[in-house]
Amino acid sequence: MARKRLNQFAFPHNSVHGSFYQDLLTSAIALLQLALLDRRSFAKNDKTHGSRHAPGAIVLAMTGFDIWLTEIITGLIRPVEEARDLLDSPTTSKYKTLYERFHGQLPGELSELETVVDIRHEIVHHFPRLNRSLIPEWFPELQRRGLLLTSPSGNDDFDFTQKLGSYGLAYWVFEVLEESAGELMSADAVYTQMHSHDVSNFAVFRRLCTPDKLTEFDAAGRH
């Protein structure tokens, strides 16, 4: 389906297209807000809690970010074959290409953005991991940072699938995408100045409670 869609891609004369990424970000933030409210009915600890809305928020936010890169590419890169090849590349490849074009050099470490892409793939192409030893490379680090729900007792911990439904994890994904967008648009170039306002769209989620203040959220009885 992706290849068929790319074959339909062209630059018609005097073409005008609207932006779609903002719609997905708006939907993602709505799900993140519902994920916050899941705290009233799911297992929780001081920095996160279980949520059935968090995985959807992650997928939509990451997809919105990828579409944002796509929209930049379609508005910037000619000829059509060069753009089509880039559109068919992974999210991080699109990001690196645009970053190099805007900044004159490749970006630095992208491990967190790469992890967010992997988490999105893990959710969209999910299958049960019946062997607990077969987990992604990024799992231990996110667990160590408290982004994944963990049993308070340390015994009978949640399984991998349940851990993907974590408010703290979803919030962190939004943070990574906001930072990545900001770094891409930080170059002093005409095209980045035209799109600098886009970064604020990736920051709207910050009106919601941060994971490190969830205990205050509980105390205020807002859930």
Protein backbone atom coordinates (compact mmCIF):
# COMPACT_ATOMS: atom_id res chain seq x y z
CA MET A 1 0.00 0.00 0.00
CA ALA A 2 2.84 2.43 0.83
CA ARG A 3 4.52 1.80 -2.54
CA LYS A 4 1.23 2.25 -4.37
CA ARG A 5 0.66 5.54 -2.56
CA LEU A 6 4.18 6.75 -3.42
CA ASN A 7 3.58 6.00 -7.09
CA GLN A 8 0.68 8.48 -6.92
CA PHE A 9 2.96 11.19 -5.60
CA ALA A 10 3.65 14.11 -7.98
CA PHE A 11 4.03 17.87 -8.04
CA PRO A 12 1.14 19.31 -10.05
CA HIS A 13 1.50 22.88 -11.23
CA ASN A 14 0.36 25.47 -8.70
CA SER A 15 -0.37 22.71 -6.18
CA VAL A 16 -1.61 23.65 -2.73
CA HIS A 17 -2.09 21.21 0.14
CA GLY A 18 -3.15 21.64 3.71
CA SER A 19 -1.35 20.39 6.79
CA PHE A 20 -2.51 17.09 8.28
CA TYR A 21 0.04 16.51 11.02
CA GLN A 22 -1.69 18.95 13.38
CA ASP A 23 -4.88 16.90 13.26
CA LEU A 24 -2.98 13.83 14.40
CA LEU A 25 -1.20 15.77 17.14
CA THR A 26 -4.54 17.09 18.39
CA SER A 27 -5.92 13.55 18.51
CA ALA A 28 -2.76 12.29 20.19
CA ILE A 29 -2.96 14.95 22.91
CA ALA A 30 -6.63 14.13 23.50
CA LEU A 31 -5.62 10.52 24.08
CA LEU A 32 -2.78 11.61 26.36
CA GLN A 33 -5.28 13.56 28.45
CA LEU A 34 -7.48 10.48 28.71
CA ALA A 35 -4.36 8.50 29.62
CA LEU A 36 -3.81 10.89 32.52
CA LEU A 37 -7.38 10.34 33.72
CA ASP A 38 -6.80 6.57 33.59
CA ARG A 39 -4.90 7.07 36.83
CA ARG A 40 -8.20 6.79 38.73
CA SER A 41 -8.79 3.18 37.70
CA PHE A 42 -5.47 1.55 36.80
CA ALA A 43 -2.42 0.40 38.75
CA LYS A 44 -0.10 3.28 39.55
CA ASN A 45 3.06 4.42 41.26
CA ASP A 46 4.52 7.86 41.93
CA LYS A 47 5.73 8.51 38.38
CA THR A 48 3.38 6.63 36.07
CA HIS A 49 0.28 4.47 35.85
CA GLY A 50 -1.34 1.99 33.54
CA SER A 51 -3.43 3.30 30.68
CA ARG A 52 -5.30 1.89 27.71
CA HIS A 53 -5.13 5.28 26.01
CA ALA A 54 -1.35 5.69 26.22
CA PRO A 55 -0.45 3.32 23.33
CA GLY A 56 -2.81 5.16 20.98
CA ALA A 57 -1.34 8.50 22.03
CA ILE A 58 2.15 7.21 21.25
CA VAL A 59 1.18 5.92 17.81
CA LEU A 60 -0.66 9.07 16.76
CA ALA A 61 2.06 11.39 18.07
CA MET A 62 4.82 9.51 16.28
CA THR A 63 2.76 9.27 13.10
CA GLY A 64 2.04 12.99 13.28
CA PHE A 65 5.77 13.68 13.58
CA ASP A 66 6.52 11.53 10.56
CA ILE A 67 3.80 13.26 8.53
CA TRP A 68 5.24 16.62 9.58
CA LEU A 69 8.58 15.59 8.09
CA THR A 70 6.77 14.38 4.98
CA GLU A 71 5.01 17.71 4.55
CA ILE A 72 8.34 19.55 4.84
CA ILE A 73 9.84 17.27 2.21
CA THR A 74 6.98 17.75 -0.23
CA GLY A 75 7.23 21.51 0.15
CA LEU A 76 10.99 21.67 -0.19
CA ILE A 77 12.59 18.95 -2.29
CA ARG A 78 12.66 18.73 -6.05
CA PRO A 79 12.81 16.81 -8.36
CA VAL A 80 9.94 14.47 -7.68
CA GLU A 81 12.04 11.28 -7.82
CA GLU A 82 14.38 12.56 -5.11
CA ALA A 83 11.43 13.45 -2.92
CA ARG A 84 9.74 10.12 -3.57
CA ASP A 85 12.84 8.18 -2.54
CA LEU A 86 13.12 10.17 0.68
CA LEU A 87 9.42 9.75 1.46
CA ASP A 88 9.94 5.99 1.21
CA SER A 89 12.70 6.06 3.84
CA PRO A 90 12.41 5.54 7.61
CA THR A 91 11.51 8.44 9.87
CA THR A 92 15.05 8.88 11.17
CA SER A 93 16.42 8.97 7.60
CA LYS A 94 13.99 11.75 6.70
CA TYR A 95 15.03 13.61 9.83
CA LYS A 96 18.76 13.26 9.15
CA THR A 97 18.40 14.39 5.53
CA LEU A 98 16.41 17.48 6.48
CA TYR A 99 18.71 18.27 9.39
CA GLU A 100 21.77 18.12 7.14
CA ARG A 101 20.08 20.35 4.57
CA PHE A 102 19.11 22.95 7.18
CA HIS A 103 22.21 22.82 9.41
CA GLY A 104 24.94 21.83 6.97
CA GLN A 105 25.86 18.80 9.06
CA LEU A 106 24.34 15.60 10.32
CA PRO A 107 22.59 15.63 13.72
CA GLY A 108 24.20 14.25 16.81
CA GLU A 109 22.90 11.34 18.84
CA LEU A 110 19.39 10.25 17.81
CA SER A 111 19.03 7.26 20.10
CA GLU A 112 15.92 8.60 21.85
CA LEU A 113 14.13 9.38 18.57
CA GLU A 114 15.13 5.96 17.26
CA THR A 115 13.70 4.39 20.42
CA VAL A 116 10.42 6.27 19.98
CA VAL A 117 10.20 4.96 16.41
CA ASP A 118 10.83 1.43 17.69
CA ILE A 119 8.14 1.79 20.37
CA ARG A 120 5.65 2.92 17.73
CA HIS A 121 6.53 -0.13 15.61
CA GLU A 122 6.25 -2.38 18.66
CA ILE A 123 2.67 -1.18 19.21
CA VAL A 124 1.51 -1.09 15.58
CA HIS A 125 3.07 -4.46 14.70
CA HIS A 126 2.49 -5.97 18.10
CA PHE A 127 2.59 -9.62 19.02
CA PRO A 128 2.75 -11.16 22.49
CA ARG A 129 6.29 -11.76 23.73
CA LEU A 130 5.78 -15.12 25.37
CA ASN A 131 9.44 -15.44 26.32
CA ARG A 132 10.28 -12.64 28.75
CA SER A 133 13.97 -12.88 27.86
CA LEU A 134 13.22 -11.77 24.28
CA ILE A 135 12.68 -8.07 24.83
CA PRO A 136 13.80 -5.01 22.82
CA GLU A 137 17.20 -3.49 23.54
CA TRP A 138 15.58 -0.27 24.73
CA PHE A 139 13.40 -1.94 27.35
CA PRO A 140 15.88 -2.14 30.29
CA GLU A 141 16.84 1.53 30.03
CA LEU A 142 13.25 2.75 29.96
CA GLN A 143 12.46 0.47 32.88
CA ARG A 144 15.45 1.85 34.81
CA ARG A 145 14.24 5.42 34.19
CA GLY A 146 10.84 4.65 35.63
CA LEU A 147 8.94 5.19 32.38
CA LEU A 148 7.31 1.77 32.52
CA LEU A 149 4.83 0.56 35.07
CA THR A 150 6.40 -1.73 37.67
CA SER A 151 4.80 -3.71 40.45
CA PRO A 152 5.35 -1.91 43.78
CA SER A 153 6.19 -5.17 45.48
CA GLY A 154 8.71 -6.18 42.84
CA ASN A 155 6.96 -9.54 42.59
CA ASP A 156 4.61 -10.73 39.88
CA ASP A 157 5.53 -7.76 37.70
CA PHE A 158 3.43 -6.62 34.74
CA ASP A 159 4.14 -8.26 31.41
CA PHE A 160 5.74 -6.45 28.49
CA THR A 161 2.47 -5.64 26.73
CA GLN A 162 1.01 -4.10 29.88
CA LYS A 163 4.12 -1.97 30.31
CA LEU A 164 3.55 -0.35 26.91
CA GLY A 165 0.37 1.12 28.38
CA SER A 166 2.15 3.63 30.60
CA TYR A 167 1.34 7.33 31.00
CA GLY A 168 4.97 8.09 31.83
CA LEU A 169 6.13 6.40 28.64
CA ALA A 170 3.60 8.27 26.49
CA TYR A 171 4.53 11.62 28.05
CA TRP A 172 8.21 10.95 27.43
CA VAL A 173 7.48 10.17 23.76
CA PHE A 174 5.89 13.60 23.39
CA GLU A 175 8.95 15.18 25.05
CA VAL A 176 11.32 13.49 22.61
CA LEU A 177 9.27 14.57 19.60
CA GLU A 178 9.09 18.16 20.83
CA GLU A 179 12.85 18.28 21.38
CA SER A 180 13.56 16.70 17.98
CA ALA A 181 11.30 19.17 16.19
CA GLY A 182 12.93 22.08 18.01
CA GLU A 183 16.44 20.97 17.11
CA LEU A 184 15.49 20.53 13.45
CA MET A 185 13.97 24.01 13.25
CA SER A 186 16.77 25.73 15.19
CA ALA A 187 18.85 26.42 12.07
CA ASP A 188 19.07 29.99 10.79
CA ALA A 189 17.58 29.21 7.39
CA VAL A 190 14.69 30.70 5.46
CA TYR A 191 12.72 27.46 5.33
CA THR A 192 13.09 26.70 9.04
CA GLN A 193 12.00 30.23 9.90
CA MET A 194 8.86 29.64 7.85
CA HIS A 195 8.09 26.54 9.93
CA SER A 196 9.44 27.61 13.32
CA HIS A 197 5.88 27.98 14.64
CA ASP A 198 5.40 24.25 14.06
CA VAL A 199 7.50 23.51 17.14
CA SER A 200 4.86 25.08 19.38
CA ASN A 201 2.34 22.52 18.10
CA PHE A 202 4.55 19.76 19.48
CA ALA A 203 4.59 21.48 22.89
CA VAL A 204 0.83 21.69 23.51
CA PHE A 205 0.95 18.47 25.56
CA ARG A 206 2.83 20.32 28.31
CA ARG A 207 -0.41 21.68 29.69
CA LEU A 208 -0.97 18.19 31.11
CA CYS A 209 0.49 16.93 34.36
CA THR A 210 4.11 15.86 34.16
CA PRO A 211 4.95 12.39 35.49
CA ASP A 212 7.09 13.81 38.30
CA LYS A 213 4.07 15.69 39.67
CA LEU A 214 1.54 12.87 39.61
CA THR A 215 1.49 12.65 43.41
CA GLU A 216 0.47 16.33 43.53
CA PHE A 217 -2.18 15.54 40.93
CA ASP A 218 -3.48 12.79 43.22
CA ALA A 219 -3.46 15.04 46.27
CA ALA A 220 -5.46 17.70 44.44
CA GLY A 221 -8.13 15.12 43.66
CA ARG A 222 -8.23 16.09 40.01
CA HIS A 223 -8.63 12.51 38.85
